[in-house]
Amino acid sequence: MSDYTQMWSDLGLDLAGHDALLSVLGGAYQDIFLSQKNRPEGMEYFDFVMSEVHGLRIKELMEARDQGRIVVGSYCVFVPEELVLAVDGISVGLCAGAEFNFEGAEEVVPRNLCPLIKSAFGFKRGLVCPYLEASDIVVGENTCDGKKKSYEILAPMVNDLYVVDLPQMKSDSGKKLLREEYRAFMAKLEDKSARQITLDSLKKGIAVTNAKRQAVKRLAELRKADPAPISGLDALLVNQIFFYDDPVRFTASVNALCDELEERVKKGEGVFPKGTPRLVISGCPMAVPNWKVPFIVESSGAVIVGEESCVGERGTRWLTAGDGTSVEELLDAITERYFNIDCAVFTPNPSRLQHIEEMFGSYNARGIVHYSLQFCHPYIVESGPVENDLEGSGIPVLRLETDYSQEDTGQIKTRVEAFLERIHKE
């Protein structure tokens, strides 16, 4: 066995299923990303990360565990990486972005369930996600009813499931609830790691996490240029790898990419011709390897210049204030930062609509693609009012509801092309 194969075996993965998954993933990556023209050279690092996403990165996690560090896996941006880093832990996103082993998932969860949730169960029951198997703690969060009830089923399948309760309204009592949940999560991390969170360790965790966000925010600013210096697909990939890679190495790599993009902008160089229709995609998160809709959009004559999504600006636009003089003050700052996230789970949720409108203007976009996963009720329900308000303000909107399968790609492409024709006429 190779080093990686032995490692995967030690993690208890189904090696045949895992090999099949990597083969499909590699083929899709080749077709979608490596076929792009005029890609920035800085994307070579992210190509390497994807080639080693189940290899070298998992090896790093296992070595860290051997050194006494804990690995904390999660499915949501409401899990504070700052707290994980404060106990010298490693925060990683878990597999939930592909239609894999849905048959196995549907043995324990309903068929008409959000594809993201079913994907998480498919990966677990198929024993093919090394991040999940390498996690010392799996952190869930009550963002929606589907997740809330599904965690009851997932709990006996993993070593240590910890669920963070989230408020459903932006109120004083909601913020108080979130702070107490984060305090309890701190205690869980301290107990699991046998390390105490101190003022210095928490400041360091905040600084590392903020630096990572600032690098991605710098990338977002450069995407405002016309012609776009980077494709929406490549920018999405960077935002996806945000959840997997070593944070310090990731930050340096994104900043190196941005240095290159700044030179492109100065020279007026882009990956698409100047004047290519610019779109912002809004709605549900897109976890690796969910690249279907962006690929269709950008192969239809448009460029995606921003993502109003958890895997995008919703997850990175705010920094955490790191100037507190006690752990309690820093916990307040963390709570404030995460309470700002305008997930569709909140009701009412006017700040999200405001952010979409702001992105439309600041990125010089021509339209909004509102993307919802099937059975993701918070975003599907919110899509109607969002479309009505934006269209009432003269902002073209295309609502897409889909899943992880490829069966509707032709239909989606037809609708995208019709939407672009509408934009060209206006």
Protein backbone atom coordinates (compact mmCIF):
# COMPACT_ATOMS: atom_id res chain seq x y z
CA MET A 1 0.00 0.00 0.00
CA SER A 2 1.08 3.59 -0.64
CA ASP A 3 1.38 5.91 2.34
CA TYR A 4 -1.96 7.50 1.53
CA THR A 5 -3.72 4.18 0.98
CA GLN A 6 -2.55 2.94 4.35
CA MET A 7 -3.70 6.20 5.94
CA TRP A 8 -7.11 5.94 4.32
CA SER A 9 -7.36 2.35 5.49
CA ASP A 10 -6.40 3.35 9.02
CA LEU A 11 -9.22 5.90 8.95
CA GLY A 12 -11.68 3.13 8.10
CA LEU A 13 -12.53 4.41 4.61
CA ASP A 14 -14.07 2.17 1.98
CA LEU A 15 -11.06 2.13 -0.36
CA ALA A 16 -12.94 1.05 -3.49
CA GLY A 17 -15.62 3.70 -2.98
CA HIS A 18 -13.03 6.30 -2.12
CA ASP A 19 -11.02 5.55 -5.27
CA ALA A 20 -14.17 5.82 -7.36
CA LEU A 21 -15.02 9.16 -5.74
CA LEU A 22 -11.54 10.57 -6.40
CA SER A 23 -11.69 9.40 -10.00
CA VAL A 24 -14.99 11.20 -10.61
CA LEU A 25 -13.79 14.29 -8.76
CA GLY A 26 -10.54 14.40 -10.73
CA GLY A 27 -12.33 14.02 -14.04
CA ALA A 28 -14.80 16.77 -13.24
CA TYR A 29 -11.98 19.05 -12.10
CA GLN A 30 -10.05 18.42 -15.31
CA ASP A 31 -13.07 19.21 -17.49
CA ILE A 32 -14.22 22.27 -15.58
CA PHE A 33 -11.12 24.01 -14.28
CA LEU A 34 -8.08 22.92 -16.23
CA SER A 35 -9.82 23.55 -19.55
CA GLN A 36 -10.16 27.27 -18.80
CA LYS A 37 -8.08 29.68 -20.88
CA ASN A 38 -5.77 32.40 -19.58
CA ARG A 39 -5.99 31.25 -15.96
CA PRO A 40 -3.82 33.15 -13.46
CA GLU A 41 -0.59 31.32 -12.66
CA GLY A 42 -1.43 31.69 -8.96
CA MET A 43 -4.23 29.15 -9.41
CA GLU A 44 -1.57 26.43 -9.72
CA TYR A 45 -1.38 26.32 -5.92
CA PHE A 46 -5.13 25.73 -5.62
CA ASP A 47 -4.95 23.07 -8.33
CA PHE A 48 -2.30 21.36 -6.20
CA VAL A 49 -4.50 21.60 -3.10
CA MET A 50 -7.35 19.95 -4.99
CA SER A 51 -5.04 17.20 -6.24
CA GLU A 52 -4.00 16.54 -2.64
CA VAL A 53 -7.29 17.39 -0.91
CA HIS A 54 -7.68 13.77 0.28
CA GLY A 55 -3.96 13.05 0.43
CA LEU A 56 -1.37 15.47 1.75
CA ARG A 57 -3.92 17.56 3.64
CA ILE A 58 -5.30 14.51 5.44
CA LYS A 59 -1.74 13.42 6.22
CA GLU A 60 -1.18 16.83 7.82
CA LEU A 61 -4.30 16.39 9.93
CA MET A 62 -3.22 12.95 11.10
CA GLU A 63 0.26 14.25 12.00
CA ALA A 64 -1.33 17.10 13.94
CA ARG A 65 -3.45 14.62 15.88
CA ASP A 66 -0.31 12.61 16.66
CA GLN A 67 1.10 15.83 18.14
CA GLY A 68 -1.90 16.17 20.45
CA ARG A 69 -3.91 18.69 18.45
CA ILE A 70 -7.61 18.17 17.79
CA VAL A 71 -9.39 18.27 14.43
CA VAL A 72 -12.79 19.94 14.45
CA GLY A 73 -15.03 19.25 11.45
CA SER A 74 -18.08 21.37 10.65
CA TYR A 75 -20.70 22.03 8.00
CA CYS A 76 -21.42 25.73 8.54
CA VAL A 77 -19.89 29.21 8.79
CA PHE A 78 -21.53 29.73 12.18
CA VAL A 79 -18.85 27.55 13.82
CA PRO A 80 -16.13 30.01 14.97
CA GLU A 81 -12.69 29.02 13.70
CA GLU A 82 -11.23 31.56 16.12
CA LEU A 83 -12.19 29.37 19.07
CA VAL A 84 -10.81 26.21 17.46
CA LEU A 85 -7.47 27.91 16.77
CA ALA A 86 -7.40 29.22 20.34
CA VAL A 87 -6.95 25.64 21.61
CA ASP A 88 -4.39 24.97 18.85
CA GLY A 89 -6.99 22.93 17.00
CA ILE A 90 -7.59 22.59 13.27
CA SER A 91 -10.92 23.57 11.73
CA VAL A 92 -11.99 21.77 8.54
CA GLY A 93 -15.10 21.75 6.41
CA LEU A 94 -16.81 18.38 5.93
CA CYS A 95 -17.90 16.66 2.73
CA ALA A 96 -21.39 17.67 1.57
CA GLY A 97 -21.19 18.88 -2.03
CA ALA A 98 -21.79 15.88 -4.29
CA GLU A 99 -24.49 13.38 -5.17
CA PHE A 100 -22.64 10.40 -3.73
CA ASN A 101 -24.31 7.32 -2.21
CA PHE A 102 -27.72 8.97 -2.00
CA GLU A 103 -29.18 5.46 -1.96
CA GLY A 104 -27.39 4.80 1.32
CA ALA A 105 -28.37 8.19 2.68
CA GLU A 106 -32.04 7.62 1.86
CA GLU A 107 -32.02 4.51 4.03
CA VAL A 108 -31.84 6.76 7.08
CA VAL A 109 -33.12 10.19 5.95
CA PRO A 110 -36.05 11.20 3.71
CA ARG A 111 -35.66 11.28 -0.07
CA ASN A 112 -37.13 14.78 -0.28
CA LEU A 113 -34.41 16.32 1.86
CA CYS A 114 -31.93 19.06 1.00
CA PRO A 115 -29.14 17.60 -1.20
CA LEU A 116 -26.47 19.11 1.06
CA ILE A 117 -27.77 17.17 4.06
CA LYS A 118 -28.25 13.99 2.04
CA SER A 119 -24.73 14.38 0.70
CA ALA A 120 -23.31 14.53 4.22
CA PHE A 121 -25.07 11.25 5.03
CA GLY A 122 -24.05 9.71 1.72
CA PHE A 123 -20.38 10.41 2.42
CA LYS A 124 -20.66 9.11 5.97
CA ARG A 125 -22.53 5.92 5.16
CA GLY A 126 -20.25 5.30 2.18
CA LEU A 127 -17.15 5.83 4.37
CA VAL A 128 -15.41 8.01 1.77
CA CYS A 129 -14.87 11.39 3.50
CA PRO A 130 -11.47 11.33 5.27
CA TYR A 131 -12.13 14.73 6.86
CA LEU A 132 -15.15 13.34 8.67
CA GLU A 133 -13.32 10.23 9.81
CA ALA A 134 -10.30 12.28 10.96
CA SER A 135 -12.38 14.70 13.05
CA ASP A 136 -12.18 14.46 16.84
CA ILE A 137 -15.35 16.57 17.08
CA VAL A 138 -18.06 16.98 14.45
CA VAL A 139 -19.86 20.27 15.04
CA GLY A 140 -23.42 20.68 13.88
CA GLU A 141 -25.61 23.76 14.10
CA ASN A 142 -29.36 24.28 14.12
CA THR A 143 -29.55 26.53 11.08
CA CYS A 144 -32.59 24.78 9.62
CA ASP A 145 -35.12 22.12 10.55
CA GLY A 146 -33.56 19.62 8.15
CA LYS A 147 -30.17 19.84 9.82
CA LYS A 148 -31.64 20.03 13.31
CA LYS A 149 -33.47 16.74 13.02
CA SER A 150 -30.80 15.06 10.89
CA TYR A 151 -28.16 15.57 13.57
CA GLU A 152 -30.23 13.29 15.81
CA ILE A 153 -29.67 10.55 13.23
CA LEU A 154 -26.02 11.44 12.60
CA ALA A 155 -25.02 11.48 16.28
CA PRO A 156 -24.57 7.71 16.75
CA MET A 157 -22.63 7.47 13.48
CA VAL A 158 -19.74 9.73 14.53
CA ASN A 159 -17.31 9.73 17.44
CA ASP A 160 -18.36 13.01 19.05
CA LEU A 161 -21.14 15.19 17.67
CA TYR A 162 -21.60 18.60 19.25
CA VAL A 163 -24.53 20.78 18.18
CA VAL A 164 -24.55 24.56 18.52
CA ASP A 165 -28.02 26.05 18.89
CA LEU A 166 -28.63 29.20 16.84
CA PRO A 167 -31.18 31.97 17.25
CA GLN A 168 -33.79 32.43 14.55
CA MET A 169 -34.33 36.17 15.03
CA LYS A 170 -31.96 39.15 15.19
CA SER A 171 -32.92 40.25 18.69
CA ASP A 172 -31.16 40.98 21.97
CA SER A 173 -32.30 37.65 23.32
CA GLY A 174 -31.06 35.97 20.15
CA LYS A 175 -27.62 37.48 20.55
CA LYS A 176 -27.54 36.43 24.19
CA LEU A 177 -28.41 32.86 23.17
CA LEU A 178 -25.61 32.82 20.61
CA ARG A 179 -23.07 34.10 23.14
CA GLU A 180 -23.99 31.41 25.64
CA GLU A 181 -23.79 28.74 22.95
CA TYR A 182 -20.31 29.93 22.00
CA ARG A 183 -19.31 29.95 25.66
CA ALA A 184 -20.44 26.34 25.95
CA PHE A 185 -18.58 25.50 22.73
CA MET A 186 -15.44 27.03 24.25
CA ALA A 187 -15.79 24.71 27.23
CA LYS A 188 -16.24 21.73 24.90
CA LEU A 189 -13.08 22.62 23.00
CA GLU A 190 -11.10 23.13 26.19
CA ASP A 191 -12.23 19.77 27.53
CA LYS A 192 -11.54 17.89 24.29
CA SER A 193 -8.11 19.48 23.73
CA ALA A 194 -7.03 19.65 27.40
CA ARG A 195 -6.02 23.25 26.69
CA GLN A 196 -7.42 26.43 28.19
CA ILE A 197 -8.36 29.37 26.01
CA THR A 198 -6.40 32.42 27.16
CA LEU A 199 -6.44 36.05 26.12
CA ASP A 200 -3.27 35.54 24.08
CA SER A 201 -4.38 32.30 22.41
CA LEU A 202 -7.75 33.78 21.48
CA LYS A 203 -6.15 36.94 20.12
CA LYS A 204 -3.91 34.76 17.98
CA GLY A 205 -6.87 32.72 16.73
CA ILE A 206 -8.72 35.90 15.81
CA ALA A 207 -5.67 37.35 14.03
CA VAL A 208 -5.09 34.21 11.93
CA THR A 209 -8.77 33.96 10.97
CA ASN A 210 -9.04 37.67 10.17
CA ALA A 211 -5.94 37.51 7.96
CA LYS A 212 -7.54 34.69 5.98
CA ARG A 213 -10.75 36.68 5.55
CA GLN A 214 -8.85 39.83 4.56
CA ALA A 215 -7.04 37.93 1.81
CA VAL A 216 -10.34 36.69 0.38
CA LYS A 217 -11.84 40.18 0.71
CA ARG A 218 -8.86 41.50 -1.27
CA LEU A 219 -9.64 38.95 -3.99
CA ALA A 220 -13.27 40.07 -3.98
CA GLU A 221 -12.25 43.71 -4.52
CA LEU A 222 -10.12 42.78 -7.53
CA ARG A 223 -13.09 41.03 -9.12
CA LYS A 224 -14.78 44.41 -9.47
CA ALA A 225 -12.51 45.23 -12.41
CA ASP A 226 -13.69 44.96 -16.02
CA PRO A 227 -12.41 42.83 -17.66
CA ALA A 228 -12.60 40.34 -14.79
CA PRO A 229 -9.05 39.24 -13.90
CA ILE A 230 -10.22 35.82 -12.67
CA SER A 231 -13.15 33.59 -13.51
CA GLY A 232 -16.01 33.08 -11.10
CA LEU A 233 -15.19 29.37 -11.09
CA ASP A 234 -11.62 29.94 -9.91
CA ALA A 235 -12.74 32.49 -7.31
CA LEU A 236 -15.34 30.01 -6.05
CA LEU A 237 -12.63 27.36 -5.79
CA VAL A 238 -10.54 29.70 -3.62
CA ASN A 239 -13.57 30.30 -1.39
CA GLN A 240 -14.16 26.54 -1.14
CA ILE A 241 -10.55 25.76 -0.23
CA PHE A 242 -10.86 28.45 2.48
CA PHE A 243 -12.55 25.74 4.59
CA TYR A 244 -9.94 23.00 4.10
CA ASP A 245 -6.44 24.39 3.82
CA ASP A 246 -3.92 25.39 6.47
CA PRO A 247 -5.02 28.96 7.26
CA VAL A 248 -1.58 30.61 7.22
CA ARG A 249 -0.52 28.88 4.01
CA PHE A 250 -3.89 29.63 2.42
CA THR A 251 -3.63 33.32 3.30
CA ALA A 252 -0.16 33.62 1.76
CA SER A 253 -1.30 31.82 -1.39
CA VAL A 254 -4.38 34.02 -1.85
CA ASN A 255 -2.31 37.16 -1.38
CA ALA A 256 0.22 35.91 -3.95
CA LEU A 257 -2.67 35.32 -6.37
CA CYS A 258 -3.97 38.82 -5.67
CA ASP A 259 -0.54 40.32 -6.41
CA GLU A 260 -0.77 38.72 -9.86
CA LEU A 261 -4.36 39.87 -10.35
CA GLU A 262 -3.43 43.45 -9.46
CA GLU A 263 -0.92 43.41 -12.32
CA ARG A 264 -3.61 42.06 -14.63
CA VAL A 265 -5.97 44.83 -13.64
CA LYS A 266 -3.29 47.48 -14.24
CA LYS A 267 -2.69 46.08 -17.73
CA GLY A 268 -6.40 45.72 -18.47
CA GLU A 269 -6.07 41.95 -18.87
CA GLY A 270 -8.89 39.56 -18.06
CA VAL A 271 -10.11 36.01 -18.47
CA PHE A 272 -13.14 37.24 -20.41
CA PRO A 273 -13.40 40.17 -22.85
CA LYS A 274 -14.20 43.58 -21.44
CA GLY A 275 -17.95 44.09 -21.41
CA THR A 276 -18.82 40.42 -20.81
CA PRO A 277 -22.13 40.33 -18.87
CA ARG A 278 -21.32 40.35 -15.17
CA LEU A 279 -23.49 38.37 -12.77
CA VAL A 280 -23.65 37.95 -9.00
CA ILE A 281 -24.81 34.56 -7.73
CA SER A 282 -26.84 34.58 -4.53
CA GLY A 283 -28.34 31.97 -2.25
CA CYS A 284 -27.30 28.51 -1.04
CA PRO A 285 -23.67 27.58 -0.36
CA MET A 286 -21.70 25.59 -2.94
CA ALA A 287 -19.40 23.06 -1.28
CA VAL A 288 -16.74 21.09 -3.19
CA PRO A 289 -17.39 19.75 -5.84
CA ASN A 290 -20.61 21.64 -6.54
CA TRP A 291 -19.55 23.61 -9.62
CA LYS A 292 -22.54 22.91 -11.86
CA VAL A 293 -24.31 26.26 -12.04
CA PRO A 294 -21.18 28.48 -12.22
CA PHE A 295 -19.80 26.27 -15.01
CA ILE A 296 -23.05 26.56 -16.97
CA VAL A 297 -23.16 30.33 -16.49
CA GLU A 298 -19.57 30.95 -17.53
CA SER A 299 -19.75 28.59 -20.50
CA SER A 300 -22.82 30.49 -21.71
CA GLY A 301 -21.14 33.86 -22.23
CA ALA A 302 -21.21 35.51 -18.79
CA VAL A 303 -18.80 35.91 -15.88
CA ILE A 304 -19.65 35.54 -12.20
CA VAL A 305 -18.05 38.42 -10.30
CA GLY A 306 -19.34 37.77 -6.77
CA GLU A 307 -21.06 35.24 -4.52
CA GLU A 308 -23.61 36.31 -1.94
CA SER A 309 -23.26 32.96 -0.22
CA CYS A 310 -21.78 31.23 2.81
CA VAL A 311 -19.06 30.04 0.41
CA GLY A 312 -18.47 33.65 -0.56
CA GLU A 313 -19.07 37.05 0.97
CA ARG A 314 -21.66 35.99 3.54
CA GLY A 315 -18.99 33.86 5.18
CA THR A 316 -16.08 36.30 4.95
CA ARG A 317 -17.27 39.92 4.77
CA TRP A 318 -17.00 40.61 8.52
CA LEU A 319 -13.85 40.57 10.64
CA THR A 320 -13.74 39.87 14.38
CA ALA A 321 -12.60 42.76 16.56
CA GLY A 322 -9.43 41.58 18.26
CA ASP A 323 -8.70 44.49 20.60
CA GLY A 324 -10.46 43.17 23.70
CA THR A 325 -8.61 43.07 27.00
CA SER A 326 -10.15 39.84 28.29
CA VAL A 327 -11.47 36.53 26.99
CA GLU A 328 -14.98 37.74 27.81
CA GLU A 329 -14.59 40.86 25.68
CA LEU A 330 -13.24 38.81 22.80
CA LEU A 331 -16.14 36.38 23.16
CA ASP A 332 -18.46 39.38 22.84
CA ALA A 333 -16.62 40.37 19.65
CA ILE A 334 -16.89 36.86 18.21
CA THR A 335 -20.60 36.77 19.00
CA GLU A 336 -21.13 40.17 17.37
CA ARG A 337 -19.27 39.09 14.24
CA TYR A 338 -21.19 35.86 13.71
CA PHE A 339 -24.52 37.41 14.66
CA ASN A 340 -24.12 39.69 11.63
CA ILE A 341 -24.29 36.76 9.20
CA ASP A 342 -27.51 37.21 7.21
CA CYS A 343 -28.39 33.57 6.64
CA ALA A 344 -31.90 32.92 5.35
CA VAL A 345 -32.61 31.03 8.57
CA PHE A 346 -33.19 34.42 10.23
CA THR A 347 -36.62 35.99 10.14
CA PRO A 348 -37.05 38.71 9.14
CA ASN A 349 -33.87 39.00 7.07
CA PRO A 350 -33.74 42.46 5.41
CA SER A 351 -29.95 42.77 5.61
CA ARG A 352 -29.47 40.00 3.07
CA LEU A 353 -31.54 41.80 0.45
CA GLN A 354 -29.61 44.98 1.14
CA HIS A 355 -26.32 43.15 0.68
CA ILE A 356 -27.42 41.68 -2.66
CA GLU A 357 -28.33 45.16 -3.90
CA GLU A 358 -25.00 46.52 -2.68
CA MET A 359 -23.09 43.77 -4.48
CA PHE A 360 -25.04 44.36 -7.67
CA GLY A 361 -23.91 47.98 -7.66
CA SER A 362 -20.35 47.68 -6.40
CA TYR A 363 -19.46 44.85 -8.79
CA ASN A 364 -21.08 46.60 -11.75
CA ALA A 365 -23.23 43.54 -12.29
CA ARG A 366 -25.92 43.20 -14.94
CA GLY A 367 -28.05 40.63 -13.14
CA ILE A 368 -28.51 38.31 -10.16
CA VAL A 369 -28.72 34.53 -10.31
CA HIS A 370 -30.59 33.35 -7.23
CA TYR A 371 -29.51 29.77 -6.59
CA SER A 372 -31.47 27.42 -4.31
CA LEU A 373 -30.94 23.76 -3.57
CA GLN A 374 -34.11 21.68 -3.79
CA PHE A 375 -35.89 21.35 -0.45
CA CYS A 376 -33.76 24.10 1.10
CA HIS A 377 -36.84 25.85 2.40
CA PRO A 378 -35.25 28.99 3.91
CA TYR A 379 -33.68 30.06 0.61
CA ILE A 380 -36.50 28.82 -1.61
CA VAL A 381 -39.10 30.72 0.42
CA GLU A 382 -36.89 33.82 0.51
CA SER A 383 -36.22 33.68 -3.25
CA GLY A 384 -39.69 35.01 -4.13
CA PRO A 385 -39.55 38.20 -2.06
CA VAL A 386 -35.91 38.72 -3.10
CA GLU A 387 -36.84 38.50 -6.79
CA ASN A 388 -39.83 40.81 -6.38
CA ASP A 389 -37.85 43.48 -4.55
CA LEU A 390 -34.86 43.34 -6.90
CA GLU A 391 -36.94 43.32 -10.07
CA GLY A 392 -38.94 46.22 -8.63
CA SER A 393 -35.65 48.11 -8.38
CA GLY A 394 -34.80 47.33 -11.99
CA ILE A 395 -32.35 44.50 -11.21
CA PRO A 396 -32.81 41.42 -13.46
CA VAL A 397 -33.10 38.16 -11.51
CA LEU A 398 -32.93 34.54 -12.61
CA ARG A 399 -34.21 32.06 -10.03
CA LEU A 400 -32.71 28.58 -10.26
CA GLU A 401 -33.72 25.65 -8.09
CA THR A 402 -31.66 22.51 -8.59
CA ASP A 403 -29.81 19.64 -6.92
CA TYR A 404 -26.40 18.00 -7.32
CA SER A 405 -27.33 15.81 -10.30
CA GLN A 406 -26.45 16.62 -13.92
CA GLU A 407 -29.89 15.75 -15.27
CA ASP A 408 -31.12 19.34 -15.55
CA THR A 409 -27.97 20.92 -16.99
CA GLY A 410 -29.53 21.36 -20.43
CA GLN A 411 -32.61 23.03 -18.99
CA ILE A 412 -30.52 25.33 -16.80
CA LYS A 413 -28.29 26.30 -19.72
CA THR A 414 -31.35 27.20 -21.80
CA ARG A 415 -32.67 29.41 -19.02
CA VAL A 416 -29.29 31.06 -18.45
CA GLU A 417 -28.95 31.81 -22.17
CA ALA A 418 -32.45 33.32 -22.24
CA PHE A 419 -31.59 35.43 -19.18
CA LEU A 420 -28.46 36.73 -20.90
CA GLU A 421 -30.49 37.61 -24.00
CA ARG A 422 -32.80 39.64 -21.78
CA ILE A 423 -29.81 41.45 -20.24
CA HIS A 424 -28.34 42.25 -23.67
CA LYS A 425 -31.65 43.84 -24.72
CA GLU A 426 -31.99 46.03 -21.63
